[in-house]
N, C-alpha and C. Protein backbone atom coordinates (compact mmCIF):
# COMPACT_ATOMS: atom_id res chain seq x y z
N MET A 1 1.01 -1.10 0.17
CA MET A 1 0.05 -0.07 -0.12
C MET A 1 0.84 1.02 -0.10
N GLN A 2 1.80 1.44 0.86
CA GLN A 2 2.69 2.54 0.99
C GLN A 2 3.39 2.77 -0.84
N PHE A 3 3.55 1.78 -1.62
CA PHE A 3 3.93 2.14 -2.98
C PHE A 3 3.21 2.78 -4.04
N ILE A 4 1.72 2.23 -3.38
CA ILE A 4 0.74 2.63 -4.40
C ILE A 4 0.84 4.43 -4.09
N GLY A 5 0.84 4.72 -2.55
CA GLY A 5 0.55 6.21 -2.05
C GLY A 5 1.85 7.29 -2.64
N PHE A 6 3.22 6.35 -2.43
CA PHE A 6 4.11 6.93 -3.43
C PHE A 6 3.92 7.20 -4.85
N ARG A 7 3.32 6.66 -5.37
CA ARG A 7 3.44 6.67 -7.03
C ARG A 7 2.20 7.88 -7.21
N ILE A 8 1.25 8.01 -6.08
CA ILE A 8 0.08 8.80 -6.56
C ILE A 8 0.74 10.13 -6.39
N ILE A 9 1.65 10.01 -4.98
CA ILE A 9 2.25 11.72 -5.05
C ILE A 9 3.15 12.11 -5.97
N MET A 10 3.66 11.45 -6.43
CA MET A 10 4.83 10.98 -7.97
C MET A 10 4.06 11.58 -8.98
N ASN A 11 3.06 11.49 -8.92
CA ASN A 11 2.00 11.48 -10.40
C ASN A 11 1.66 12.96 -10.19
N ARG A 12 0.95 13.23 -9.15
CA ARG A 12 0.99 14.62 -8.63
C ARG A 12 2.16 15.39 -8.85
N LEU A 13 2.90 15.27 -8.23
CA LEU A 13 3.96 16.37 -8.55
C LEU A 13 4.68 16.38 -10.24
N ARG A 14 4.48 15.27 -10.82
CA ARG A 14 4.77 15.11 -12.20
C ARG A 14 4.05 16.14 -13.08
N VAL A 15 2.30 16.50 -12.72
CA VAL A 15 1.69 16.84 -13.31
C VAL A 15 1.60 18.68 -13.43
N ILE A 16 2.68 18.99 -11.86
CA ILE A 16 2.53 20.72 -11.63
C ILE A 16 2.46 21.29 -12.64
N PRO A 17 3.76 21.42 -13.74
CA PRO A 17 3.90 21.84 -14.55
C PRO A 17 2.45 22.05 -15.84
N PHE A 18 2.21 21.14 -15.98
CA PHE A 18 0.87 21.10 -16.79
C PHE A 18 -0.15 22.06 -15.90
N PHE A 19 0.03 22.00 -14.91
CA PHE A 19 -1.24 22.44 -14.12
C PHE A 19 -1.21 23.97 -14.18
N LEU A 20 0.10 24.36 -14.08
CA LEU A 20 0.70 25.32 -14.20
C LEU A 20 0.51 26.26 -15.08
N ARG A 21 0.41 25.89 -16.44
CA ARG A 21 0.49 26.29 -17.86
C ARG A 21 -1.03 26.45 -18.11
N ASP A 22 -2.29 25.86 -17.07
CA ASP A 22 -3.23 25.69 -17.92
C ASP A 22 -4.11 27.21 -17.62
N LYS A 23 -4.58 27.78 -18.27
CA LYS A 23 -5.26 29.10 -18.29
C LYS A 23 -6.46 28.94 -17.80
N THR A 24 -7.08 27.78 -17.29
CA THR A 24 -8.31 27.47 -16.82
C THR A 24 -8.28 27.53 -15.46
N VAL A 25 -7.08 27.15 -14.72
CA VAL A 25 -7.09 26.94 -13.35
C VAL A 25 -6.59 28.48 -12.40
N PRO A 26 -7.50 28.61 -11.46
CA PRO A 26 -7.46 30.05 -11.00
C PRO A 26 -5.72 30.20 -10.52
N LYS A 27 -6.01 31.73 -10.27
CA LYS A 27 -4.35 31.92 -9.93
C LYS A 27 -4.07 31.86 -8.97
N ARG A 28 -5.42 31.77 -7.88
CA ARG A 28 -4.66 32.10 -6.43
C ARG A 28 -4.30 30.28 -6.38
N LYS A 29 -4.59 29.45 -7.32
CA LYS A 29 -4.23 27.68 -7.08
C LYS A 29 -2.87 27.44 -7.45
N LYS A 30 -2.22 28.73 -8.59
CA LYS A 30 -1.31 28.75 -8.97
C LYS A 30 -0.30 29.32 -8.45
N ALA A 31 -1.00 30.37 -7.31
CA ALA A 31 0.11 31.31 -6.72
C ALA A 31 0.30 30.27 -5.66
N LEU A 32 -0.39 29.26 -5.02
CA LEU A 32 0.18 28.69 -3.89
C LEU A 32 1.23 27.33 -4.18
N VAL A 33 1.01 26.94 -5.74
CA VAL A 33 2.50 25.98 -5.94
C VAL A 33 3.53 27.26 -6.04
N ILE A 34 3.71 28.01 -6.54
CA ILE A 34 4.91 29.30 -7.07
C ILE A 34 5.19 29.16 -5.69
N PHE A 35 4.39 29.75 -4.35
CA PHE A 35 4.96 30.19 -3.04
C PHE A 35 5.58 28.62 -2.54
N GLY A 36 4.66 27.49 -2.69
CA GLY A 36 5.83 26.40 -2.35
C GLY A 36 7.18 26.46 -2.74
N LEU A 37 7.41 26.57 -4.43
CA LEU A 37 8.58 26.40 -4.92
C LEU A 37 9.39 27.53 -4.24
N VAL A 38 8.96 28.63 -4.42
CA VAL A 38 9.62 29.57 -3.74
C VAL A 38 10.73 29.32 -2.42
N TYR A 39 9.73 28.87 -1.61
CA TYR A 39 9.82 28.62 -0.04
C TYR A 39 10.72 27.42 -0.24
N LEU A 40 10.88 25.82 -0.77
CA LEU A 40 11.29 24.88 -1.21
C LEU A 40 13.49 25.80 -1.41
N VAL A 41 13.19 26.92 -2.24
CA VAL A 41 14.66 27.06 -2.63
C VAL A 41 15.33 28.15 -1.65
N LEU A 42 14.34 29.08 -0.64
CA LEU A 42 15.07 29.98 0.15
C LEU A 42 15.84 29.17 1.38
N PRO A 43 16.93 30.29 1.44
CA PRO A 43 17.56 29.19 2.96
C PRO A 43 17.06 29.62 3.75
N ILE A 44 15.55 29.43 4.39
CA ILE A 44 14.75 30.04 5.29
C ILE A 44 14.13 28.94 5.94
N ASN A 45 14.27 28.44 7.12
CA ASN A 45 13.63 27.65 7.88
C ASN A 45 12.37 28.23 8.81
N TRP A 46 10.95 27.69 8.64
CA TRP A 46 10.24 28.00 9.64
C TRP A 46 9.72 26.87 10.42
N PRO A 47 9.46 26.73 11.74
CA PRO A 47 10.35 27.20 12.65
C PRO A 47 11.48 26.98 12.76
N PRO A 48 12.83 28.32 13.52
CA PRO A 48 14.16 28.50 12.56
C PRO A 48 14.69 27.35 13.32
N LEU A 49 14.42 26.24 13.72
CA LEU A 49 15.47 25.37 14.15
C LEU A 49 14.54 24.00 13.92
N SER A 50 14.26 24.11 12.58
CA SER A 50 13.81 22.78 12.40
C SER A 50 14.59 21.77 11.49
N LEU A 51 14.08 20.45 11.56
CA LEU A 51 15.23 19.75 11.28
C LEU A 51 15.24 19.64 9.88
N PHE A 52 16.36 19.93 8.96
CA PHE A 52 16.32 19.97 7.58
C PHE A 52 15.65 20.24 7.18
N PHE A 53 14.79 19.39 6.11
CA PHE A 53 13.62 19.92 5.07
C PHE A 53 12.24 19.54 5.61
N ALA A 54 12.37 19.24 6.97
CA ALA A 54 10.48 18.78 7.56
C ALA A 54 9.99 19.89 7.54
N ASP A 55 9.94 21.43 7.43
CA ASP A 55 9.02 22.05 6.97
C ASP A 55 8.69 22.22 5.73
N ASP A 56 9.49 22.06 4.87
CA ASP A 56 9.88 21.97 3.36
C ASP A 56 8.79 20.78 2.92
N ILE A 57 9.02 19.55 3.57
CA ILE A 57 7.70 18.47 3.28
C ILE A 57 6.42 18.64 3.88
N ILE A 58 7.10 19.40 5.03
CA ILE A 58 4.93 19.65 5.55
C ILE A 58 4.36 20.65 4.55
N LEU A 59 4.83 21.30 4.02
CA LEU A 59 4.38 22.44 2.90
C LEU A 59 3.83 21.69 2.17
N TRP A 60 4.85 21.01 1.22
CA TRP A 60 4.33 20.32 -0.15
C TRP A 60 3.27 19.05 0.22
N ILE A 61 3.29 18.69 1.72
CA ILE A 61 2.27 18.06 1.67
C ILE A 61 1.00 18.52 2.04
N PHE A 62 1.05 19.67 2.56
CA PHE A 62 -0.53 20.41 2.64
C PHE A 62 -0.94 20.64 0.91
N ILE A 63 -0.06 21.40 0.18
CA ILE A 63 -0.15 21.90 -1.00
C ILE A 63 -0.71 20.55 -1.66
N ILE A 64 0.30 19.46 -1.66
CA ILE A 64 -0.56 18.14 -2.63
C ILE A 64 -2.18 18.22 -2.40
N TRP A 65 -2.16 18.03 -0.81
CA TRP A 65 -3.45 17.46 -0.32
C TRP A 65 -4.40 18.75 -0.90
N HIS A 66 -3.97 19.90 -0.39
CA HIS A 66 -4.86 21.09 -0.87
C HIS A 66 -5.64 20.91 -2.33
N LEU A 67 -4.09 20.34 -3.48
CA LEU A 67 -5.04 20.56 -4.84
C LEU A 67 -5.03 19.40 -5.37
N LYS A 68 -5.40 18.39 -4.60
CA LYS A 68 -5.29 16.88 -5.01
C LYS A 68 -6.56 16.60 -5.79
N ASP A 69 -7.58 17.38 -5.59
CA ASP A 69 -8.64 17.18 -7.11
C ASP A 69 -8.13 17.29 -8.32
N ASP A 70 -7.72 18.70 -7.94
CA ASP A 70 -7.03 19.68 -9.45
C ASP A 70 -6.22 18.78 -10.25
N LEU A 71 -5.24 18.32 -9.53
CA LEU A 71 -3.69 17.76 -9.88
C LEU A 71 -4.22 16.15 -10.40
N ASP A 72 -5.43 15.52 -9.73
CA ASP A 72 -5.62 14.27 -10.32
C ASP A 72 -5.96 14.31 -11.41
N ILE A 73 -6.86 15.58 -12.15
CA ILE A 73 -7.58 15.35 -13.34
C ILE A 73 -6.44 15.70 -14.43
N TYR A 74 -5.37 15.77 -13.61
CA TYR A 74 -4.37 15.78 -15.46
C TYR A 74 -3.51 14.24 -15.49
N TRP A 75 -3.27 13.63 -14.73
CA TRP A 75 -2.92 12.66 -14.60
C TRP A 75 -3.73 11.40 -15.11
N ARG A 76 -4.70 11.78 -14.63
CA ARG A 76 -5.79 10.46 -15.07
C ARG A 76 -6.05 10.47 -16.35
N GLY A 77 -6.04 11.89 -16.91
CA GLY A 77 -6.26 12.14 -18.40
C GLY A 77 -7.97 12.74 -18.54
N ASP A 78 -8.41 13.16 -17.37
CA ASP A 78 -9.79 13.63 -17.48
C ASP A 78 -9.91 14.95 -17.78
N LYS A 79 -9.02 15.42 -18.23
CA LYS A 79 -8.48 16.84 -18.37
C LYS A 79 -8.92 17.54 -19.78
N ASN A 80 -10.27 17.90 -20.09
CA ASN A 80 -10.62 18.48 -21.41
C ASN A 80 -9.75 19.27 -21.94
N ASP A 81 -9.67 19.43 -23.55
CA ASP A 81 -9.07 20.46 -24.30
C ASP A 81 -9.26 21.60 -23.72
N ASP A 82 -8.55 22.51 -23.69
CA ASP A 82 -9.01 24.45 -23.58
C ASP A 82 -9.05 24.64 -25.04
N LEU A 83 -10.22 24.81 -25.13
CA LEU A 83 -10.68 25.34 -26.64
C LEU A 83 -10.43 26.78 -26.32
N SER A 84 -10.01 27.49 -25.33
CA SER A 84 -10.31 29.35 -25.55
C SER A 84 -9.43 29.63 -26.67
N LYS A 85 -8.11 29.28 -27.02
CA LYS A 85 -7.29 29.86 -28.21
C LYS A 85 -8.06 29.14 -29.32
N LYS A 86 -8.78 28.04 -29.47
CA LYS A 86 -9.31 27.87 -30.46
C LYS A 86 -10.69 28.74 -30.88
N PHE A 87 -11.54 29.09 -30.01
CA PHE A 87 -12.72 29.80 -30.42
C PHE A 87 -12.63 31.40 -30.20
N ARG A 88 -11.35 31.91 -29.78
CA ARG A 88 -11.26 33.57 -29.60
C ARG A 88 -11.52 34.51 -30.78
N ASP A 89 -12.32 35.40 -29.75
CA ASP A 89 -12.61 36.07 -30.89
C ASP A 89 -14.03 35.60 -31.80
N LYS A 90 -14.55 34.37 -31.83
CA LYS A 90 -15.48 33.85 -32.89
C LYS A 90 -16.87 34.13 -31.96
N ASP A 91 -17.84 34.59 -32.74
CA ASP A 91 -19.21 34.76 -32.09
C ASP A 91 -19.81 33.65 -32.33
N ILE A 92 -19.93 32.62 -31.55
CA ILE A 92 -20.69 31.38 -31.85
C ILE A 92 -21.77 31.24 -31.24
N VAL A 93 -23.48 31.03 -31.98
CA VAL A 93 -24.39 30.75 -31.19
C VAL A 93 -25.31 29.55 -31.62
N ASP A 94 -25.34 28.74 -30.71
CA ASP A 94 -26.21 27.45 -31.43
C ASP A 94 -27.26 27.51 -30.58
N GLY A 95 -27.99 26.61 -31.12
CA GLY A 95 -29.64 26.26 -30.69
C GLY A 95 -30.34 27.40 -29.81
N VAL A 96 -30.42 28.43 -30.69
CA VAL A 96 -31.06 29.89 -30.86
C VAL A 96 -32.11 30.15 -31.29
N GLU A 97 -33.02 30.28 -30.81
CA GLU A 97 -34.15 30.87 -32.19
C GLU A 97 -34.53 32.60 -32.45
N PHE A 98 -33.83 33.39 -33.26
CA PHE A 98 -34.00 34.71 -33.01
C PHE A 98 -34.92 35.28 -34.45
N THR A 99 -35.36 36.10 -34.43
CA THR A 99 -35.57 36.88 -35.37
C THR A 99 -35.24 38.28 -35.38
N VAL A 100 -34.82 38.90 -36.74
CA VAL A 100 -34.26 40.29 -36.87
C VAL A 100 -35.75 41.16 -37.26
N VAL A 101 -35.92 42.15 -36.90
CA VAL A 101 -37.23 43.02 -37.40
C VAL A 101 -37.22 44.35 -37.16
N ASP A 102 -36.79 45.23 -38.51
CA ASP A 102 -36.35 46.38 -38.75
C ASP A 102 -37.75 47.28 -38.31
N GLY A 103 -37.25 48.75 -37.68
CA GLY A 103 -37.88 49.58 -36.96
C GLY A 103 -38.58 49.40 -35.98
N GLY A 104 -37.30 48.56 -35.20
CA GLY A 104 -37.69 48.44 -33.62
C GLY A 104 -38.50 48.12 -32.69
N LYS A 105 -39.73 47.07 -33.58
CA LYS A 105 -40.64 46.62 -33.17
C LYS A 105 -40.48 44.75 -33.43
N LYS A 106 -40.60 44.71 -32.02
CA LYS A 106 -40.99 42.79 -32.26
C LYS A 106 -42.02 42.37 -32.59
N ASP A 107 -41.89 40.96 -33.14
CA ASP A 107 -43.42 40.30 -33.71
C ASP A 107 -43.85 40.11 -32.43
N ASP A 108 -43.08 39.83 -31.42
CA ASP A 108 -44.02 39.46 -29.92
C ASP A 108 -44.61 40.45 -29.39
N ASP A 109 -43.96 41.87 -29.33
CA ASP A 109 -45.20 42.82 -28.66
C ASP A 109 -46.54 42.87 -29.72
N ASP A 110 -46.34 42.53 -31.09
CA ASP A 110 -47.54 42.77 -31.96
C ASP A 110 -48.84 41.74 -31.18
N ASN A 111 -48.45 40.51 -30.93
CA ASN A 111 -48.61 39.57 -31.10
C ASN A 111 -49.17 39.65 -29.48
N ASP A 112 -48.83 40.34 -28.43
CA ASP A 112 -49.22 40.58 -27.63
C ASP A 112 -50.46 41.36 -27.51
N LYS A 113 -50.06 42.44 -28.14
CA LYS A 113 -51.52 43.56 -28.16
C LYS A 113 -52.56 42.53 -29.18
N LYS A 114 -52.20 41.85 -30.17
CA LYS A 114 -53.73 41.42 -30.80
C LYS A 114 -54.49 40.06 -29.88
N GLY A 115 -53.64 39.56 -28.74
CA GLY A 115 -54.24 38.75 -27.76
C GLY A 115 -55.05 39.28 -26.36
N ASP A 116 -54.72 40.62 -26.25
CA ASP A 116 -55.57 41.34 -25.29
C ASP A 116 -56.83 41.54 -25.62
C-alpha cells in the first residue's frame, strides 16, 4: 500500500508544470504552488530550528493535499481540451432561435397586443 501512495504523490508532482500552464486554473491555486517552490529554494526555515527539510516537506504535503482533486484531473487524463484559443474572437451561438425585425418593433409585441 505504501508503494501505491508514493506513486500517486509522484504522479501529482509530475503534473504540476501542466497545471501551471493551464489558463483555466485559478490564479490563487497557481500562486500556492509558486509560493511552495519559492519557499523550497529559499534558505529560510520555519520554525527557525527545524530539522533539515521537515518544514518544506510539511508545506508540500499540504499543497498536494489541498490541490489533489485538481492535480488528479491531469494525471488521470480527465482534463478536457482548452478550447479558449481555438474559439477566441469568434461569435458562436448554437440552438437559439431569433428573428431580426426592422423598425425597432418585435413580432412578439404585436402578438401580445392582438391577444388582449
